[in-house]
Amino acid sequence: MQLDQLIQTITLAAIPILFAITLHEAAHGYVARHFGDMTAYQEGRISLNPMRHIDPVGTVLLPLLTLVLGGVLFGWAKPVPVNFAALRRPKQDMLWVAIAGPASNLAMALGWGLLFKLTWWYPDNYFAEPLLGMAEWGIKINVILMVLNLLPLPPLDGGRVAVSLLPHRQAYQLAKIEPYGMFILIFLAITPVLGWILLPLVNLVYRLISLLFGI
């Protein structure tokens, strides 16, 4: 990617990325507080301030590398601390805490889709072209984060959803993977495997949103 293209891409993608990670993590903390765990609230992580959620490697370096090198946009934020034992019904409530992050990404993807549609109706607006580009990135980033986080691999949200839904014995066996889950994910990301898994699902969701808003 040429330097001017890279700068343009970073400019358009920066705000959607910050919104995507900030609201994703804040959603986890908010739902955890709703179900009885005050950990994230007490540590100031139920916040719309991106600085509270940014991880220098996962939020800045890796997304930049994937933008430069191509492939699936990959990264993470500082995880919101959740004490599942403090939830009123730990195994059942874990489901809602986990699903809150991907649900927020779906809501943001739809919001960016709506912005794209509204901007498309008023093409003479001075800001129409950058807004269309930003909205397109907003849809893409949030769809990727939603699908990625729904993979049934602890500590991803999908892994916690699976632990919540599985019978106790199987849930315990899956939960034991959590200390190694991020290493497994990074390994998949540096091979074509993660792309093979994610891209068909990402493209399907993206097409559905495109059809919904006529993009």
N, C-alpha and C. Protein backbone atom coordinates (compact mmCIF):
# COMPACT_ATOMS: atom_id res chain seq x y z
N MET A 1 0.85 -1.20 0.00
CA MET A 1 0.00 0.00 0.00
C MET A 1 0.88 1.25 0.00
N GLN A 2 0.60 2.20 -0.90
CA GLN A 2 1.37 3.43 -0.97
C GLN A 2 1.09 4.30 0.25
N LEU A 3 2.05 5.20 0.54
CA LEU A 3 1.97 6.00 1.76
C LEU A 3 0.70 6.85 1.80
N ASP A 4 0.34 7.51 0.67
CA ASP A 4 -0.84 8.36 0.69
C ASP A 4 -2.12 7.54 0.89
N GLN A 5 -2.16 6.32 0.32
CA GLN A 5 -3.30 5.43 0.53
C GLN A 5 -3.38 4.98 1.98
N LEU A 6 -2.21 4.68 2.56
CA LEU A 6 -2.16 4.25 3.96
C LEU A 6 -2.66 5.35 4.88
N ILE A 7 -2.21 6.58 4.66
CA ILE A 7 -2.65 7.71 5.50
C ILE A 7 -4.15 7.91 5.37
N GLN A 8 -4.67 7.82 4.15
CA GLN A 8 -6.11 7.97 3.94
C GLN A 8 -6.88 6.87 4.65
N THR A 9 -6.39 5.63 4.56
CA THR A 9 -7.06 4.50 5.21
C THR A 9 -7.07 4.67 6.72
N ILE A 10 -5.93 5.04 7.30
CA ILE A 10 -5.84 5.24 8.75
C ILE A 10 -6.77 6.36 9.19
N THR A 11 -6.82 7.45 8.42
CA THR A 11 -7.69 8.58 8.75
C THR A 11 -9.16 8.17 8.79
N LEU A 12 -9.58 7.37 7.79
CA LEU A 12 -10.97 6.95 7.71
C LEU A 12 -11.30 5.87 8.74
N ALA A 13 -10.34 5.00 9.03
CA ALA A 13 -10.61 3.85 9.89
C ALA A 13 -10.44 4.15 11.38
N ALA A 14 -9.70 5.20 11.72
CA ALA A 14 -9.35 5.45 13.13
C ALA A 14 -10.57 5.62 14.02
N ILE A 15 -11.50 6.49 13.62
CA ILE A 15 -12.68 6.74 14.46
C ILE A 15 -13.56 5.49 14.59
N PRO A 16 -13.87 4.78 13.48
CA PRO A 16 -14.63 3.54 13.64
C PRO A 16 -13.96 2.51 14.55
N ILE A 17 -12.63 2.38 14.46
CA ILE A 17 -11.93 1.43 15.32
C ILE A 17 -12.06 1.83 16.78
N LEU A 18 -11.86 3.13 17.08
CA LEU A 18 -11.96 3.58 18.47
C LEU A 18 -13.36 3.38 19.03
N PHE A 19 -14.38 3.71 18.23
CA PHE A 19 -15.76 3.47 18.67
C PHE A 19 -16.01 1.98 18.88
N ALA A 20 -15.53 1.16 17.94
CA ALA A 20 -15.79 -0.28 17.99
C ALA A 20 -15.24 -0.91 19.26
N ILE A 21 -13.99 -0.58 19.60
CA ILE A 21 -13.39 -1.21 20.78
C ILE A 21 -13.94 -0.61 22.07
N THR A 22 -14.17 0.71 22.07
CA THR A 22 -14.63 1.38 23.29
C THR A 22 -16.01 0.90 23.69
N LEU A 23 -16.96 0.91 22.77
CA LEU A 23 -18.32 0.50 23.09
C LEU A 23 -18.40 -1.00 23.35
N HIS A 24 -17.58 -1.78 22.65
CA HIS A 24 -17.55 -3.23 22.89
C HIS A 24 -17.17 -3.52 24.35
N GLU A 25 -16.08 -2.92 24.80
CA GLU A 25 -15.61 -3.20 26.16
C GLU A 25 -16.53 -2.58 27.21
N ALA A 26 -17.00 -1.35 26.96
CA ALA A 26 -17.92 -0.73 27.92
C ALA A 26 -19.20 -1.53 28.06
N ALA A 27 -19.66 -2.15 26.96
CA ALA A 27 -20.89 -2.96 27.00
C ALA A 27 -20.72 -4.15 27.93
N HIS A 28 -19.54 -4.79 27.86
CA HIS A 28 -19.28 -5.90 28.80
C HIS A 28 -19.41 -5.44 30.25
N GLY A 29 -18.76 -4.32 30.55
CA GLY A 29 -18.77 -3.82 31.92
C GLY A 29 -20.15 -3.40 32.37
N TYR A 30 -20.90 -2.76 31.49
CA TYR A 30 -22.24 -2.31 31.84
C TYR A 30 -23.15 -3.49 32.16
N VAL A 31 -23.12 -4.53 31.31
CA VAL A 31 -23.99 -5.69 31.52
C VAL A 31 -23.53 -6.46 32.77
N ALA A 32 -22.21 -6.54 32.99
CA ALA A 32 -21.72 -7.20 34.20
C ALA A 32 -22.24 -6.48 35.45
N ARG A 33 -22.21 -5.15 35.43
CA ARG A 33 -22.75 -4.38 36.58
C ARG A 33 -24.24 -4.66 36.75
N HIS A 34 -24.97 -4.74 35.64
CA HIS A 34 -26.40 -5.01 35.70
C HIS A 34 -26.69 -6.33 36.40
N PHE A 35 -25.81 -7.31 36.19
CA PHE A 35 -26.03 -8.63 36.78
C PHE A 35 -25.27 -8.84 38.09
N GLY A 36 -24.72 -7.77 38.66
CA GLY A 36 -24.21 -7.86 40.01
C GLY A 36 -22.72 -7.73 40.20
N ASP A 37 -21.92 -7.71 39.13
CA ASP A 37 -20.46 -7.60 39.28
C ASP A 37 -20.05 -6.14 39.09
N MET A 38 -19.50 -5.53 40.13
CA MET A 38 -19.14 -4.12 40.10
C MET A 38 -17.67 -3.88 39.75
N THR A 39 -16.93 -4.94 39.38
CA THR A 39 -15.48 -4.81 39.18
C THR A 39 -15.14 -3.76 38.13
N ALA A 40 -15.72 -3.87 36.94
CA ALA A 40 -15.41 -2.92 35.86
C ALA A 40 -15.81 -1.51 36.25
N TYR A 41 -16.95 -1.35 36.92
CA TYR A 41 -17.42 -0.03 37.36
C TYR A 41 -16.44 0.59 38.34
N GLN A 42 -15.98 -0.21 39.30
CA GLN A 42 -15.06 0.29 40.32
C GLN A 42 -13.70 0.66 39.73
N GLU A 43 -13.31 0.02 38.64
CA GLU A 43 -12.03 0.32 38.00
C GLU A 43 -12.15 1.36 36.89
N GLY A 44 -13.35 1.96 36.76
CA GLY A 44 -13.55 3.01 35.78
C GLY A 44 -13.57 2.55 34.34
N ARG A 45 -13.90 1.28 34.10
CA ARG A 45 -13.86 0.75 32.74
C ARG A 45 -15.22 0.81 32.03
N ILE A 46 -16.28 1.22 32.75
CA ILE A 46 -17.55 1.47 32.04
C ILE A 46 -17.49 2.91 31.58
N SER A 47 -16.75 3.11 30.52
CA SER A 47 -16.41 4.47 30.09
C SER A 47 -16.39 4.54 28.57
N LEU A 48 -16.77 5.69 28.03
CA LEU A 48 -16.67 5.92 26.59
C LEU A 48 -15.36 6.62 26.23
N ASN A 49 -14.45 6.70 27.19
CA ASN A 49 -13.12 7.26 26.94
C ASN A 49 -12.24 6.18 26.32
N PRO A 50 -11.86 6.29 25.04
CA PRO A 50 -11.07 5.22 24.40
C PRO A 50 -9.76 4.92 25.12
N MET A 51 -9.17 5.93 25.78
CA MET A 51 -7.87 5.73 26.43
C MET A 51 -7.93 4.69 27.53
N ARG A 52 -9.11 4.46 28.10
CA ARG A 52 -9.25 3.46 29.15
C ARG A 52 -9.25 2.04 28.60
N HIS A 53 -9.40 1.91 27.28
CA HIS A 53 -9.55 0.58 26.69
C HIS A 53 -8.44 0.23 25.70
N ILE A 54 -7.60 1.20 25.33
CA ILE A 54 -6.60 0.97 24.30
C ILE A 54 -5.45 0.11 24.82
N ASP A 55 -5.10 -0.91 24.06
CA ASP A 55 -3.89 -1.71 24.29
C ASP A 55 -2.90 -1.33 23.18
N PRO A 56 -1.69 -0.86 23.54
CA PRO A 56 -0.77 -0.36 22.49
C PRO A 56 -0.50 -1.37 21.38
N VAL A 57 -0.37 -2.63 21.73
CA VAL A 57 -0.10 -3.65 20.71
C VAL A 57 -1.37 -4.06 19.99
N GLY A 58 -2.38 -4.47 20.77
CA GLY A 58 -3.59 -5.03 20.18
C GLY A 58 -4.48 -4.02 19.48
N THR A 59 -4.48 -2.77 19.98
CA THR A 59 -5.39 -1.76 19.42
C THR A 59 -4.72 -0.87 18.38
N VAL A 60 -3.40 -0.73 18.46
CA VAL A 60 -2.70 0.19 17.56
C VAL A 60 -1.79 -0.57 16.58
N LEU A 61 -0.82 -1.32 17.12
CA LEU A 61 0.21 -1.92 16.27
C LEU A 61 -0.35 -2.99 15.33
N LEU A 62 -1.09 -3.96 15.87
CA LEU A 62 -1.59 -5.05 15.03
C LEU A 62 -2.58 -4.58 13.97
N PRO A 63 -3.59 -3.73 14.32
CA PRO A 63 -4.46 -3.23 13.25
C PRO A 63 -3.70 -2.48 12.15
N LEU A 64 -2.68 -1.68 12.55
CA LEU A 64 -1.88 -0.98 11.54
C LEU A 64 -1.16 -1.96 10.63
N LEU A 65 -0.57 -3.00 11.22
CA LEU A 65 0.14 -4.00 10.42
C LEU A 65 -0.79 -4.71 9.46
N THR A 66 -2.00 -5.05 9.93
CA THR A 66 -2.93 -5.75 9.04
C THR A 66 -3.46 -4.82 7.95
N LEU A 67 -3.59 -3.52 8.25
CA LEU A 67 -3.98 -2.58 7.21
C LEU A 67 -2.90 -2.46 6.14
N VAL A 68 -1.63 -2.47 6.58
CA VAL A 68 -0.51 -2.35 5.64
C VAL A 68 -0.32 -3.63 4.83
N LEU A 69 -0.36 -4.78 5.53
CA LEU A 69 -0.03 -6.05 4.89
C LEU A 69 -1.22 -6.71 4.22
N GLY A 70 -2.44 -6.26 4.56
CA GLY A 70 -3.64 -6.89 4.02
C GLY A 70 -4.08 -8.05 4.89
N GLY A 71 -5.12 -8.72 4.46
CA GLY A 71 -5.67 -9.84 5.22
C GLY A 71 -6.76 -9.38 6.15
N VAL A 72 -7.10 -10.25 7.12
CA VAL A 72 -8.18 -9.96 8.06
C VAL A 72 -7.71 -8.94 9.08
N LEU A 73 -8.47 -7.85 9.25
CA LEU A 73 -8.16 -6.86 10.28
C LEU A 73 -8.19 -7.55 11.64
N PHE A 74 -7.10 -7.45 12.39
CA PHE A 74 -6.96 -8.22 13.63
C PHE A 74 -6.43 -7.32 14.73
N GLY A 75 -6.99 -7.48 15.93
CA GLY A 75 -6.52 -6.72 17.08
C GLY A 75 -7.42 -6.93 18.27
N TRP A 76 -7.10 -6.25 19.36
CA TRP A 76 -7.91 -6.37 20.57
C TRP A 76 -7.72 -5.13 21.44
N ALA A 77 -8.59 -4.96 22.40
CA ALA A 77 -8.47 -3.90 23.40
C ALA A 77 -8.13 -4.54 24.74
N LYS A 78 -7.84 -3.69 25.74
CA LYS A 78 -7.66 -4.23 27.09
C LYS A 78 -8.98 -4.81 27.56
N PRO A 79 -9.02 -6.10 27.91
CA PRO A 79 -10.30 -6.68 28.32
C PRO A 79 -10.84 -6.05 29.59
N VAL A 80 -12.13 -5.82 29.61
CA VAL A 80 -12.78 -5.31 30.81
C VAL A 80 -12.76 -6.40 31.88
N PRO A 81 -12.33 -6.08 33.11
CA PRO A 81 -12.30 -7.11 34.15
C PRO A 81 -13.71 -7.50 34.60
N VAL A 82 -13.98 -8.79 34.57
CA VAL A 82 -15.28 -9.31 35.01
C VAL A 82 -15.02 -10.44 36.00
N ASN A 83 -15.61 -10.32 37.18
CA ASN A 83 -15.54 -11.38 38.18
C ASN A 83 -16.83 -12.20 38.05
N PHE A 84 -16.75 -13.29 37.29
CA PHE A 84 -17.97 -14.05 37.01
C PHE A 84 -18.58 -14.62 38.28
N ALA A 85 -17.75 -14.87 39.30
CA ALA A 85 -18.27 -15.40 40.56
C ALA A 85 -19.17 -14.39 41.26
N ALA A 86 -19.00 -13.08 40.93
CA ALA A 86 -19.82 -12.05 41.58
C ALA A 86 -21.17 -11.87 40.91
N LEU A 87 -21.37 -12.47 39.74
CA LEU A 87 -22.67 -12.39 39.08
C LEU A 87 -23.71 -13.15 39.89
N ARG A 88 -24.94 -12.71 39.80
CA ARG A 88 -25.99 -13.35 40.61
C ARG A 88 -26.18 -14.82 40.25
N ARG A 89 -26.11 -15.15 38.97
CA ARG A 89 -26.17 -16.53 38.50
C ARG A 89 -24.99 -16.71 37.55
N PRO A 90 -23.80 -17.03 38.08
CA PRO A 90 -22.57 -16.94 37.28
C PRO A 90 -22.63 -17.62 35.92
N LYS A 91 -23.05 -18.87 35.86
CA LYS A 91 -23.01 -19.59 34.59
C LYS A 91 -24.03 -19.02 33.60
N GLN A 92 -25.22 -18.71 34.06
CA GLN A 92 -26.25 -18.18 33.16
C GLN A 92 -25.97 -16.74 32.75
N ASP A 93 -25.57 -15.90 33.74
CA ASP A 93 -25.36 -14.48 33.44
C ASP A 93 -24.12 -14.25 32.59
N MET A 94 -23.17 -15.19 32.63
CA MET A 94 -21.97 -15.09 31.79
C MET A 94 -22.36 -14.93 30.32
N LEU A 95 -23.43 -15.59 29.91
CA LEU A 95 -23.89 -15.51 28.52
C LEU A 95 -24.17 -14.07 28.13
N TRP A 96 -24.90 -13.33 28.97
CA TRP A 96 -25.31 -11.97 28.63
C TRP A 96 -24.13 -11.01 28.68
N VAL A 97 -23.22 -11.22 29.64
CA VAL A 97 -22.02 -10.38 29.71
C VAL A 97 -21.18 -10.58 28.46
N ALA A 98 -21.02 -11.84 28.04
CA ALA A 98 -20.18 -12.14 26.88
C ALA A 98 -20.80 -11.62 25.59
N ILE A 99 -22.10 -11.81 25.43
CA ILE A 99 -22.75 -11.46 24.16
C ILE A 99 -22.89 -9.95 23.99
N ALA A 100 -22.75 -9.20 25.09
CA ALA A 100 -22.94 -7.75 25.02
C ALA A 100 -21.94 -7.09 24.07
N GLY A 101 -20.69 -7.57 24.06
CA GLY A 101 -19.67 -6.98 23.19
C GLY A 101 -20.00 -7.15 21.71
N PRO A 102 -20.17 -8.39 21.24
CA PRO A 102 -20.55 -8.57 19.83
C PRO A 102 -21.87 -7.89 19.46
N ALA A 103 -22.83 -7.86 20.41
CA ALA A 103 -24.10 -7.18 20.13
C ALA A 103 -23.87 -5.69 19.90
N SER A 104 -22.95 -5.10 20.66
CA SER A 104 -22.65 -3.68 20.46
C SER A 104 -22.02 -3.46 19.08
N ASN A 105 -21.17 -4.40 18.64
CA ASN A 105 -20.57 -4.28 17.30
C ASN A 105 -21.62 -4.40 16.20
N LEU A 106 -22.60 -5.29 16.39
CA LEU A 106 -23.68 -5.39 15.42
C LEU A 106 -24.48 -4.09 15.36
N ALA A 107 -24.78 -3.52 16.53
CA ALA A 107 -25.52 -2.26 16.58
C ALA A 107 -24.73 -1.15 15.89
N MET A 108 -23.41 -1.11 16.10
CA MET A 108 -22.59 -0.07 15.46
C MET A 108 -22.51 -0.30 13.96
N ALA A 109 -22.40 -1.55 13.51
CA ALA A 109 -22.38 -1.83 12.07
C ALA A 109 -23.67 -1.32 11.42
N LEU A 110 -24.80 -1.56 12.08
CA LEU A 110 -26.08 -1.07 11.56
C LEU A 110 -26.13 0.46 11.59
N GLY A 111 -25.58 1.05 12.65
CA GLY A 111 -25.53 2.52 12.74
C GLY A 111 -24.69 3.13 11.63
N TRP A 112 -23.52 2.54 11.35
CA TRP A 112 -22.69 3.03 10.25
C TRP A 112 -23.39 2.82 8.92
N GLY A 113 -24.14 1.70 8.78
CA GLY A 113 -24.90 1.47 7.56
C GLY A 113 -25.95 2.54 7.35
N LEU A 114 -26.62 2.94 8.43
CA LEU A 114 -27.62 4.00 8.34
C LEU A 114 -26.96 5.32 7.96
N LEU A 115 -25.79 5.61 8.55
CA LEU A 115 -25.07 6.84 8.20
C LEU A 115 -24.68 6.84 6.72
N PHE A 116 -24.23 5.68 6.22
CA PHE A 116 -23.88 5.57 4.81
C PHE A 116 -25.09 5.91 3.94
N LYS A 117 -26.24 5.33 4.30
CA LYS A 117 -27.46 5.55 3.51
C LYS A 117 -27.88 7.02 3.54
N LEU A 118 -27.86 7.64 4.72
CA LEU A 118 -28.25 9.04 4.83
C LEU A 118 -27.30 9.95 4.05
N THR A 119 -25.99 9.63 4.12
CA THR A 119 -25.01 10.43 3.39
C THR A 119 -25.19 10.27 1.89
N TRP A 120 -25.54 9.05 1.47
CA TRP A 120 -25.75 8.77 0.05
C TRP A 120 -26.91 9.59 -0.51
N TRP A 121 -27.89 9.88 0.32
CA TRP A 121 -29.05 10.68 -0.10
C TRP A 121 -28.70 12.14 -0.32
N TYR A 122 -27.60 12.60 0.29
CA TYR A 122 -27.20 14.01 0.17
C TYR A 122 -25.76 14.09 -0.33
N PRO A 123 -25.53 13.67 -1.58
CA PRO A 123 -24.15 13.58 -2.09
C PRO A 123 -23.47 14.93 -2.28
N ASP A 124 -24.23 16.03 -2.30
CA ASP A 124 -23.62 17.35 -2.50
C ASP A 124 -22.99 17.90 -1.22
N ASN A 125 -23.21 17.22 -0.11
CA ASN A 125 -22.60 17.64 1.15
C ASN A 125 -21.08 17.60 1.02
N TYR A 126 -20.41 18.64 1.53
CA TYR A 126 -18.94 18.74 1.44
C TYR A 126 -18.25 17.54 2.08
N PHE A 127 -18.87 16.99 3.14
CA PHE A 127 -18.25 15.89 3.87
C PHE A 127 -18.73 14.52 3.39
N ALA A 128 -19.49 14.49 2.29
CA ALA A 128 -20.11 13.22 1.86
C ALA A 128 -19.07 12.15 1.58
N GLU A 129 -18.03 12.48 0.82
CA GLU A 129 -17.06 11.44 0.43
C GLU A 129 -16.33 10.84 1.62
N PRO A 130 -15.75 11.68 2.54
CA PRO A 130 -15.10 11.07 3.71
C PRO A 130 -16.07 10.32 4.62
N LEU A 131 -17.32 10.82 4.75
CA LEU A 131 -18.30 10.13 5.58
C LEU A 131 -18.66 8.77 5.00
N LEU A 132 -18.79 8.69 3.68
CA LEU A 132 -19.08 7.41 3.04
C LEU A 132 -17.94 6.43 3.28
N GLY A 133 -16.69 6.91 3.14
CA GLY A 133 -15.54 6.04 3.38
C GLY A 133 -15.47 5.59 4.82
N MET A 134 -15.72 6.53 5.75
CA MET A 134 -15.68 6.20 7.17
C MET A 134 -16.79 5.21 7.54
N ALA A 135 -17.98 5.42 6.97
CA ALA A 135 -19.09 4.52 7.26
C ALA A 135 -18.81 3.12 6.73
N GLU A 136 -18.19 3.05 5.55
CA GLU A 136 -17.86 1.74 4.98
C GLU A 136 -16.87 1.00 5.88
N TRP A 137 -15.87 1.73 6.37
CA TRP A 137 -14.93 1.13 7.31
C TRP A 137 -15.61 0.76 8.62
N GLY A 138 -16.54 1.59 9.07
CA GLY A 138 -17.25 1.29 10.30
C GLY A 138 -18.02 0.00 10.22
N ILE A 139 -18.70 -0.22 9.08
CA ILE A 139 -19.41 -1.49 8.90
C ILE A 139 -18.42 -2.64 8.90
N LYS A 140 -17.36 -2.51 8.10
CA LYS A 140 -16.39 -3.60 7.94
C LYS A 140 -15.73 -3.97 9.27
N ILE A 141 -15.26 -2.96 10.01
CA ILE A 141 -14.55 -3.21 11.27
C ILE A 141 -15.46 -3.88 12.28
N ASN A 142 -16.68 -3.39 12.41
CA ASN A 142 -17.59 -3.94 13.42
C ASN A 142 -18.06 -5.35 13.07
N VAL A 143 -18.24 -5.61 11.78
CA VAL A 143 -18.62 -6.97 11.38
C VAL A 143 -17.47 -7.94 11.68
N ILE A 144 -16.24 -7.54 11.35
CA ILE A 144 -15.09 -8.40 11.63
C ILE A 144 -14.96 -8.66 13.13
N LEU A 145 -15.06 -7.60 13.95
CA LEU A 145 -14.93 -7.78 15.40
C LEU A 145 -16.05 -8.65 15.96
N MET A 146 -17.25 -8.47 15.45
CA MET A 146 -18.37 -9.28 15.93
C MET A 146 -18.13 -10.76 15.62
N VAL A 147 -17.79 -11.06 14.37
CA VAL A 147 -17.60 -12.46 13.96
C VAL A 147 -16.39 -13.06 14.68
N LEU A 148 -15.29 -12.31 14.76
CA LEU A 148 -14.10 -12.80 15.44
C LEU A 148 -14.40 -13.14 16.90
N ASN A 149 -15.09 -12.24 17.58
CA ASN A 149 -15.35 -12.45 19.00
C ASN A 149 -16.38 -13.54 19.27
N LEU A 150 -17.13 -13.95 18.26
CA LEU A 150 -18.10 -15.02 18.44
C LEU A 150 -17.50 -16.41 18.20
N LEU A 151 -16.23 -16.47 17.82
CA LEU A 151 -15.58 -17.79 17.70
C LEU A 151 -15.61 -18.49 19.06
N PRO A 152 -15.95 -19.76 19.11
CA PRO A 152 -16.10 -20.47 20.39
C PRO A 152 -14.77 -20.87 21.01
N LEU A 153 -13.91 -19.87 21.24
CA LEU A 153 -12.58 -20.11 21.80
C LEU A 153 -12.37 -19.18 22.98
N PRO A 154 -12.36 -19.69 24.21
CA PRO A 154 -12.04 -18.82 25.35
C PRO A 154 -10.63 -18.25 25.16
N PRO A 155 -10.37 -16.99 25.50
CA PRO A 155 -11.23 -16.05 26.22
C PRO A 155 -12.10 -15.17 25.33
N LEU A 156 -12.26 -15.51 24.07
CA LEU A 156 -13.17 -14.72 23.21
C LEU A 156 -14.59 -14.83 23.74
N ASP A 157 -15.42 -13.88 23.38
CA ASP A 157 -16.80 -13.86 23.86
C ASP A 157 -17.56 -15.12 23.47
N GLY A 158 -17.31 -15.62 22.26
CA GLY A 158 -17.97 -16.85 21.83
C GLY A 158 -17.60 -18.04 22.68
N GLY A 159 -16.36 -18.06 23.18
CA GLY A 159 -15.95 -19.13 24.08
C GLY A 159 -16.70 -19.07 25.39
N ARG A 160 -16.91 -17.86 25.89
CA ARG A 160 -17.66 -17.71 27.15
C ARG A 160 -19.14 -18.01 26.95
N VAL A 161 -19.67 -17.68 25.78
CA VAL A 161 -21.05 -18.05 25.47
C VAL A 161 -21.17 -19.57 25.48
N ALA A 162 -20.20 -20.25 24.86
CA ALA A 162 -20.23 -21.72 24.82
C ALA A 162 -20.12 -22.31 26.23
N VAL A 163 -19.25 -21.73 27.06
CA VAL A 163 -19.11 -22.21 28.45
C VAL A 163 -20.43 -22.04 29.19
N SER A 164 -21.11 -20.94 28.94
CA SER A 164 -22.39 -20.70 29.60
C SER A 164 -23.46 -21.70 29.17
N LEU A 165 -23.45 -22.09 27.90
CA LEU A 165 -24.51 -22.93 27.36
C LEU A 165 -24.26 -24.43 27.51
N LEU A 166 -22.99 -24.83 27.55
CA LEU A 166 -22.66 -26.26 27.61
C LEU A 166 -22.97 -26.83 28.99
N PRO A 167 -23.23 -28.14 29.07
CA PRO A 167 -23.34 -28.79 30.39
C PRO A 167 -22.05 -28.61 31.19
N HIS A 168 -22.15 -28.75 32.49
CA HIS A 168 -21.03 -28.39 33.39
C HIS A 168 -19.72 -29.09 33.01
N ARG A 169 -19.76 -30.38 32.73
CA ARG A 169 -18.53 -31.11 32.45
C ARG A 169 -17.85 -30.58 31.19
N GLN A 170 -18.62 -30.44 30.10
CA GLN A 170 -18.05 -29.93 28.85
C GLN A 170 -17.63 -28.47 28.98
N ALA A 171 -18.41 -27.70 29.74
CA ALA A 171 -18.06 -26.29 29.96
C ALA A 171 -16.73 -26.19 30.70
N TYR A 172 -16.52 -27.04 31.68
CA TYR A 172 -15.26 -27.04 32.44
C TYR A 172 -14.08 -27.37 31.53
N GLN A 173 -14.25 -28.36 30.67
CA GLN A 173 -13.17 -28.75 29.76
C GLN A 173 -12.83 -27.62 28.80
N LEU A 174 -13.87 -26.94 28.27
CA LEU A 174 -13.61 -25.83 27.35
C LEU A 174 -12.97 -24.66 28.08
N ALA A 175 -13.40 -24.38 29.30
CA ALA A 175 -12.85 -23.25 30.06
C ALA A 175 -11.36 -23.43 30.34
N LYS A 176 -10.88 -24.68 30.40
CA LYS A 176 -9.46 -24.93 30.67
C LYS A 176 -8.56 -24.45 29.54
N ILE A 177 -9.16 -24.22 28.36
CA ILE A 177 -8.37 -23.73 27.23
C ILE A 177 -8.02 -22.25 27.37
N GLU A 178 -8.76 -21.52 28.22
CA GLU A 178 -8.64 -20.06 28.26
C GLU A 178 -7.22 -19.53 28.40
N PRO A 179 -6.34 -20.08 29.26
CA PRO A 179 -4.98 -19.53 29.36
C PRO A 179 -4.19 -19.61 28.05
N TYR A 180 -4.60 -20.51 27.16
CA TYR A 180 -3.86 -20.69 25.91
C TYR A 180 -4.62 -20.13 24.71
N GLY A 181 -5.84 -19.63 24.95
CA GLY A 181 -6.70 -19.21 23.85
C GLY A 181 -6.11 -18.11 23.00
N MET A 182 -5.48 -17.10 23.63
CA MET A 182 -4.93 -15.99 22.86
C MET A 182 -3.75 -16.44 22.02
N PHE A 183 -2.94 -17.37 22.54
CA PHE A 183 -1.82 -17.89 21.75
C PHE A 183 -2.34 -18.67 20.54
N ILE A 184 -3.40 -19.42 20.74
CA ILE A 184 -4.02 -20.16 19.64
C ILE A 184 -4.52 -19.18 18.59
N LEU A 185 -5.17 -18.10 19.04
CA LEU A 185 -5.74 -17.12 18.12
C LEU A 185 -4.64 -16.41 17.33
N ILE A 186 -3.55 -16.03 18.00
CA ILE A 186 -2.44 -15.37 17.30
C ILE A 186 -1.82 -16.32 16.27
N PHE A 187 -1.68 -17.60 16.64
CA PHE A 187 -1.16 -18.58 15.69
C PHE A 187 -2.06 -18.67 14.46
N LEU A 188 -3.37 -18.72 14.69
CA LEU A 188 -4.32 -18.78 13.57
C LEU A 188 -4.23 -17.52 12.72
N ALA A 189 -3.97 -16.38 13.37
CA ALA A 189 -3.94 -15.10 12.65
C ALA A 189 -2.72 -14.98 11.75
N ILE A 190 -1.61 -15.59 12.12
CA ILE A 190 -0.39 -15.49 11.30
C ILE A 190 -0.34 -16.59 10.24
N THR A 191 -1.35 -17.41 10.20
CA THR A 191 -1.50 -18.41 9.15
C THR A 191 -2.78 -18.06 8.37
N PRO A 192 -3.01 -18.70 7.24
CA PRO A 192 -4.24 -18.41 6.50
C PRO A 192 -5.51 -18.94 7.17
N VAL A 193 -5.36 -19.72 8.24
CA VAL A 193 -6.50 -20.43 8.81
C VAL A 193 -7.57 -19.47 9.33
N LEU A 194 -7.16 -18.41 10.03
CA LEU A 194 -8.15 -17.48 10.57
C LEU A 194 -8.97 -16.84 9.45
N GLY A 195 -8.32 -16.50 8.37
CA GLY A 195 -9.04 -15.95 7.22
C GLY A 195 -10.02 -16.94 6.63
N TRP A 196 -9.59 -18.21 6.53
CA TRP A 196 -10.48 -19.25 6.00
C TRP A 196 -11.74 -19.37 6.86
N ILE A 197 -11.57 -19.23 8.17
CA ILE A 197 -12.72 -19.36 9.08
C ILE A 197 -13.60 -18.12 9.03
N LEU A 198 -12.96 -16.95 9.09
CA LEU A 198 -13.72 -15.70 9.28
C LEU A 198 -14.34 -15.15 8.01
N LEU A 199 -13.58 -15.16 6.91
CA LEU A 199 -14.01 -14.41 5.73
C LEU A 199 -15.38 -14.82 5.19
N PRO A 200 -15.71 -16.12 5.11
CA PRO A 200 -17.07 -16.45 4.62
C PRO A 200 -18.16 -15.87 5.51
N LEU A 201 -17.96 -15.91 6.84
CA LEU A 201 -18.96 -15.39 7.77
C LEU A 201 -19.01 -13.86 7.70
N VAL A 202 -17.83 -13.23 7.64
CA VAL A 202 -17.78 -11.77 7.55
C VAL A 202 -18.46 -11.30 6.27
N ASN A 203 -18.16 -11.97 5.16
CA ASN A 203 -18.77 -11.57 3.88
C ASN A 203 -20.29 -11.75 3.90
N LEU A 204 -20.76 -12.82 4.55
CA LEU A 204 -22.20 -13.05 4.63
C LEU A 204 -22.90 -11.93 5.40
N VAL A 205 -22.36 -11.59 6.58
CA VAL A 205 -22.97 -10.53 7.40
C VAL A 205 -22.88 -9.19 6.67
N TYR A 206 -21.73 -8.93 6.04
CA TYR A 206 -21.55 -7.67 5.32
C TYR A 206 -22.56 -7.54 4.18
N ARG A 207 -22.77 -8.65 3.47
CA ARG A 207 -23.75 -8.62 2.37
C ARG A 207 -25.16 -8.38 2.88
N LEU A 208 -25.50 -8.98 4.01
CA LEU A 208 -26.83 -8.77 4.58
C LEU A 208 -27.04 -7.30 4.95
N ILE A 209 -26.03 -6.70 5.57
CA ILE A 209 -26.14 -5.27 5.94
C ILE A 209 -26.18 -4.41 4.68
N SER A 210 -25.40 -4.78 3.67
CA SER A 210 -25.42 -4.03 2.41
C SER A 210 -26.79 -4.09 1.76
N LEU A 211 -27.41 -5.27 1.79
CA LEU A 211 -28.75 -5.41 1.23
C LEU A 211 -29.77 -4.59 2.01
N LEU A 212 -29.61 -4.59 3.33
CA LEU A 212 -30.55 -3.86 4.20
C LEU A 212 -30.55 -2.38 3.90
N PHE A 213 -29.36 -1.82 3.67
CA PHE A 213 -29.26 -0.37 3.46
C PHE A 213 -29.03 0.01 2.00
N GLY A 214 -29.03 -0.98 1.10
CA GLY A 214 -28.84 -0.68 -0.31
C GLY A 214 -27.49 -0.11 -0.63
N ILE A 215 -26.45 -0.63 0.05
CA ILE A 215 -25.09 -0.10 -0.14
C ILE A 215 -24.48 -0.73 -1.39
